N, C-alpha and C. Protein backbone atom coordinates (compact mmCIF):
# COMPACT_ATOMS: atom_id res chain seq x y z
N MET A 1 0.83 -1.20 -0.07
CA MET A 1 -0.02 -0.01 -0.05
C MET A 1 0.86 1.25 -0.03
N ALA A 2 0.61 2.04 -0.97
CA ALA A 2 1.34 3.41 -1.01
C ALA A 2 0.44 4.51 -0.62
N ILE A 3 0.98 5.51 0.07
CA ILE A 3 0.19 6.69 0.47
C ILE A 3 0.69 7.93 -0.24
N ASP A 4 -0.11 8.61 -0.98
CA ASP A 4 0.11 9.83 -1.72
C ASP A 4 -0.47 10.97 -0.83
N SER A 5 0.34 11.84 -0.26
CA SER A 5 -0.28 12.95 0.56
C SER A 5 -0.31 14.14 -0.35
N LEU A 6 -1.38 14.88 -0.31
CA LEU A 6 -1.65 15.96 -1.11
C LEU A 6 -2.27 17.07 -0.31
N ASP A 7 -1.49 18.16 -0.18
CA ASP A 7 -2.11 19.39 0.52
C ASP A 7 -2.59 20.28 -0.65
N VAL A 8 -3.90 20.51 -0.54
CA VAL A 8 -4.44 21.32 -1.63
C VAL A 8 -4.77 22.69 -1.13
N ARG A 9 -4.38 23.07 0.10
CA ARG A 9 -4.63 24.44 0.64
C ARG A 9 -4.01 25.54 -0.23
N PRO A 10 -2.87 25.37 -0.75
CA PRO A 10 -2.27 26.47 -1.57
C PRO A 10 -2.90 26.47 -3.02
N ILE A 11 -3.55 25.52 -3.42
CA ILE A 11 -4.10 25.42 -4.83
C ILE A 11 -5.34 26.35 -4.99
N PRO A 12 -5.34 27.13 -5.97
CA PRO A 12 -6.65 27.94 -6.12
C PRO A 12 -7.78 27.08 -6.21
N PRO A 13 -8.92 27.47 -5.65
CA PRO A 13 -10.25 26.57 -5.63
C PRO A 13 -10.57 26.03 -7.07
N VAL A 14 -10.39 26.79 -8.01
CA VAL A 14 -10.89 26.41 -9.32
C VAL A 14 -10.13 25.15 -9.81
N HIS A 15 -8.94 24.97 -9.41
CA HIS A 15 -8.06 23.88 -9.67
C HIS A 15 -7.99 22.62 -8.78
N LYS A 16 -8.65 22.76 -7.56
CA LYS A 16 -8.43 21.76 -6.56
C LYS A 16 -8.98 20.40 -6.99
N HIS A 17 -10.22 20.29 -7.52
CA HIS A 17 -10.81 19.05 -7.84
C HIS A 17 -10.05 18.32 -8.91
N GLN A 18 -9.77 19.11 -9.95
CA GLN A 18 -8.94 18.63 -11.12
C GLN A 18 -7.60 18.12 -10.60
N THR A 19 -6.92 18.75 -9.70
CA THR A 19 -5.61 18.27 -9.17
C THR A 19 -5.80 16.99 -8.37
N ILE A 20 -6.81 16.95 -7.64
CA ILE A 20 -7.07 15.74 -6.75
C ILE A 20 -7.44 14.59 -7.68
N PHE A 21 -8.24 14.73 -8.64
CA PHE A 21 -8.54 13.61 -9.43
C PHE A 21 -7.40 13.08 -10.34
N ALA A 22 -6.59 14.05 -10.68
CA ALA A 22 -5.26 13.63 -11.37
C ALA A 22 -4.47 12.73 -10.47
N HIS A 23 -4.37 13.08 -9.24
CA HIS A 23 -3.63 12.32 -8.25
C HIS A 23 -4.27 10.88 -8.03
N TRP A 24 -5.64 10.95 -7.94
CA TRP A 24 -6.42 9.73 -7.73
C TRP A 24 -6.28 8.74 -8.82
N GLN A 25 -6.20 9.29 -10.19
CA GLN A 25 -6.01 8.44 -11.29
C GLN A 25 -4.67 7.65 -11.29
N ALA A 26 -3.76 8.27 -10.48
CA ALA A 26 -2.44 7.59 -10.45
C ALA A 26 -2.29 6.55 -9.37
N THR A 27 -3.37 6.39 -8.45
CA THR A 27 -3.35 5.44 -7.41
C THR A 27 -3.71 4.09 -8.03
N ALA A 28 -3.10 3.04 -7.27
CA ALA A 28 -3.49 1.60 -7.60
C ALA A 28 -4.50 1.10 -6.58
N VAL A 29 -5.03 0.00 -6.79
CA VAL A 29 -5.86 -0.61 -5.83
C VAL A 29 -5.21 -0.81 -4.46
N ASP A 30 -5.76 -0.53 -3.39
CA ASP A 30 -5.31 -0.55 -2.06
C ASP A 30 -4.39 0.69 -1.68
N ASP A 31 -4.04 1.53 -2.73
CA ASP A 31 -3.27 2.78 -2.36
C ASP A 31 -4.22 3.82 -1.77
N VAL A 32 -3.58 4.75 -1.09
CA VAL A 32 -4.35 5.90 -0.44
C VAL A 32 -3.85 7.18 -0.85
N LEU A 33 -4.89 8.02 -1.07
CA LEU A 33 -4.66 9.38 -1.35
C LEU A 33 -5.02 10.14 0.02
N GLU A 34 -4.04 10.80 0.65
CA GLU A 34 -4.31 11.49 1.94
C GLU A 34 -4.51 12.98 1.53
N LEU A 35 -5.59 13.50 1.76
CA LEU A 35 -5.89 14.90 1.34
C LEU A 35 -5.92 15.81 2.50
N VAL A 36 -5.27 17.05 2.42
CA VAL A 36 -5.33 18.09 3.43
C VAL A 36 -5.94 19.25 2.76
N ASN A 37 -6.89 19.86 3.51
CA ASN A 37 -7.62 20.96 2.99
C ASN A 37 -7.94 21.93 4.14
N ASP A 38 -8.43 23.09 3.74
CA ASP A 38 -8.74 24.21 4.79
C ASP A 38 -10.12 24.26 5.13
N HIS A 39 -10.96 23.23 4.52
CA HIS A 39 -12.42 23.20 4.91
C HIS A 39 -12.81 21.82 4.61
N ASP A 40 -14.04 21.42 5.08
CA ASP A 40 -14.63 20.05 4.92
C ASP A 40 -14.78 19.87 3.38
N PRO A 41 -14.17 18.74 2.82
CA PRO A 41 -14.22 18.50 1.41
C PRO A 41 -15.42 17.69 1.11
N LEU A 42 -16.61 17.85 1.73
CA LEU A 42 -17.78 17.16 1.47
C LEU A 42 -18.25 17.25 -0.02
N PRO A 43 -18.17 18.42 -0.68
CA PRO A 43 -18.58 18.40 -2.10
C PRO A 43 -17.65 17.44 -2.91
N LEU A 44 -16.37 17.24 -2.54
CA LEU A 44 -15.50 16.35 -3.28
C LEU A 44 -16.00 14.96 -2.98
N TYR A 45 -16.36 14.67 -1.80
CA TYR A 45 -17.00 13.30 -1.52
C TYR A 45 -18.10 13.01 -2.38
N TYR A 46 -19.07 13.89 -2.61
CA TYR A 46 -20.25 13.77 -3.52
C TYR A 46 -19.79 13.49 -4.89
N GLN A 47 -18.74 14.26 -5.37
CA GLN A 47 -18.23 14.08 -6.72
C GLN A 47 -17.58 12.68 -6.79
N PHE A 48 -16.98 12.15 -5.84
CA PHE A 48 -16.33 10.84 -5.77
C PHE A 48 -17.60 9.77 -6.01
N GLU A 49 -18.61 10.01 -5.10
CA GLU A 49 -19.77 9.17 -5.13
C GLU A 49 -20.47 8.97 -6.56
N ALA A 50 -20.44 10.19 -7.06
CA ALA A 50 -21.13 10.26 -8.48
C ALA A 50 -20.27 9.63 -9.62
N GLU A 51 -18.97 9.70 -9.51
CA GLU A 51 -18.07 9.31 -10.57
C GLU A 51 -17.29 8.03 -10.24
N GLN A 52 -17.14 7.72 -8.92
CA GLN A 52 -16.31 6.59 -8.67
C GLN A 52 -16.97 5.68 -7.64
N ALA A 53 -18.32 5.57 -7.64
CA ALA A 53 -19.06 4.84 -6.67
C ALA A 53 -18.66 3.37 -6.61
N GLY A 54 -18.41 2.87 -5.41
CA GLY A 54 -17.85 1.46 -5.19
C GLY A 54 -16.43 1.40 -5.40
N LYS A 55 -15.64 2.30 -5.79
CA LYS A 55 -14.27 2.22 -6.05
C LYS A 55 -13.32 2.94 -5.01
N PHE A 56 -13.98 3.46 -3.96
CA PHE A 56 -13.21 4.16 -2.89
C PHE A 56 -13.77 3.99 -1.56
N ALA A 57 -12.91 4.21 -0.60
CA ALA A 57 -13.42 4.31 0.80
C ALA A 57 -12.92 5.74 1.38
N TRP A 58 -13.80 6.39 2.12
CA TRP A 58 -13.46 7.67 2.51
C TRP A 58 -13.48 7.75 4.03
N GLU A 59 -12.39 8.23 4.67
CA GLU A 59 -12.23 8.29 6.12
C GLU A 59 -11.59 9.68 6.53
N TYR A 60 -12.39 10.31 7.35
CA TYR A 60 -11.90 11.59 7.98
C TYR A 60 -10.81 11.29 9.00
N LEU A 61 -9.58 11.82 9.04
CA LEU A 61 -8.47 11.74 10.01
C LEU A 61 -8.50 12.88 10.80
N GLU A 62 -8.96 13.97 10.34
CA GLU A 62 -8.98 15.30 11.12
C GLU A 62 -10.14 16.12 10.57
N ARG A 63 -10.88 16.74 11.51
CA ARG A 63 -12.16 17.52 11.11
C ARG A 63 -12.02 18.98 11.62
N GLY A 64 -11.10 19.73 11.08
CA GLY A 64 -11.07 21.21 11.30
C GLY A 64 -10.79 21.53 12.82
N PRO A 65 -10.87 22.84 13.09
CA PRO A 65 -11.51 23.85 12.25
C PRO A 65 -10.74 24.48 11.14
N ASP A 66 -9.36 24.33 11.34
CA ASP A 66 -8.45 24.96 10.36
C ASP A 66 -8.00 24.04 9.32
N ARG A 67 -7.88 22.79 9.73
CA ARG A 67 -7.27 21.82 8.78
C ARG A 67 -8.21 20.55 8.74
N TRP A 68 -8.42 20.09 7.61
CA TRP A 68 -9.24 18.82 7.38
C TRP A 68 -8.31 17.80 6.70
N ARG A 69 -8.27 16.58 7.20
CA ARG A 69 -7.51 15.52 6.54
C ARG A 69 -8.55 14.34 6.25
N VAL A 70 -8.37 13.89 5.07
CA VAL A 70 -9.31 12.78 4.58
C VAL A 70 -8.35 11.74 3.92
N GLN A 71 -8.58 10.42 4.30
CA GLN A 71 -7.95 9.37 3.59
C GLN A 71 -8.88 8.81 2.57
N ILE A 72 -8.52 8.72 1.30
CA ILE A 72 -9.25 8.25 0.36
C ILE A 72 -8.58 6.87 -0.23
N ARG A 73 -9.10 5.75 0.01
CA ARG A 73 -8.44 4.49 -0.35
C ARG A 73 -9.14 3.98 -1.69
N ARG A 74 -8.31 3.58 -2.63
CA ARG A 74 -8.80 2.95 -3.94
C ARG A 74 -9.11 1.48 -3.54
N LEU A 75 -10.48 1.19 -3.84
CA LEU A 75 -10.90 -0.23 -3.76
C LEU A 75 -10.93 -0.96 -4.98
N ALA A 76 -11.02 -0.33 -6.04
CA ALA A 76 -11.12 -1.02 -7.40
C ALA A 76 -10.60 -0.16 -8.52
N PRO A 77 -10.13 -0.68 -9.62
CA PRO A 77 -9.48 0.09 -10.70
C PRO A 77 -10.58 1.03 -11.32
């Protein structure tokens, strides 16, 4: 299992989801994308549900108020 940590706080909001999904595409099954953000990435979760249903597991590691960390594990190709 590999872990790719991605801090998206310095990325302009218009580019965040695009950057996250580019990293996601590079993950293999059982790999983890650990995301750090300055707000709850719940809209990202909904996008994952819409586009990657059944292919990921989402776990909050830290829930604000200034920093949010989420672990997104790839379950299927």
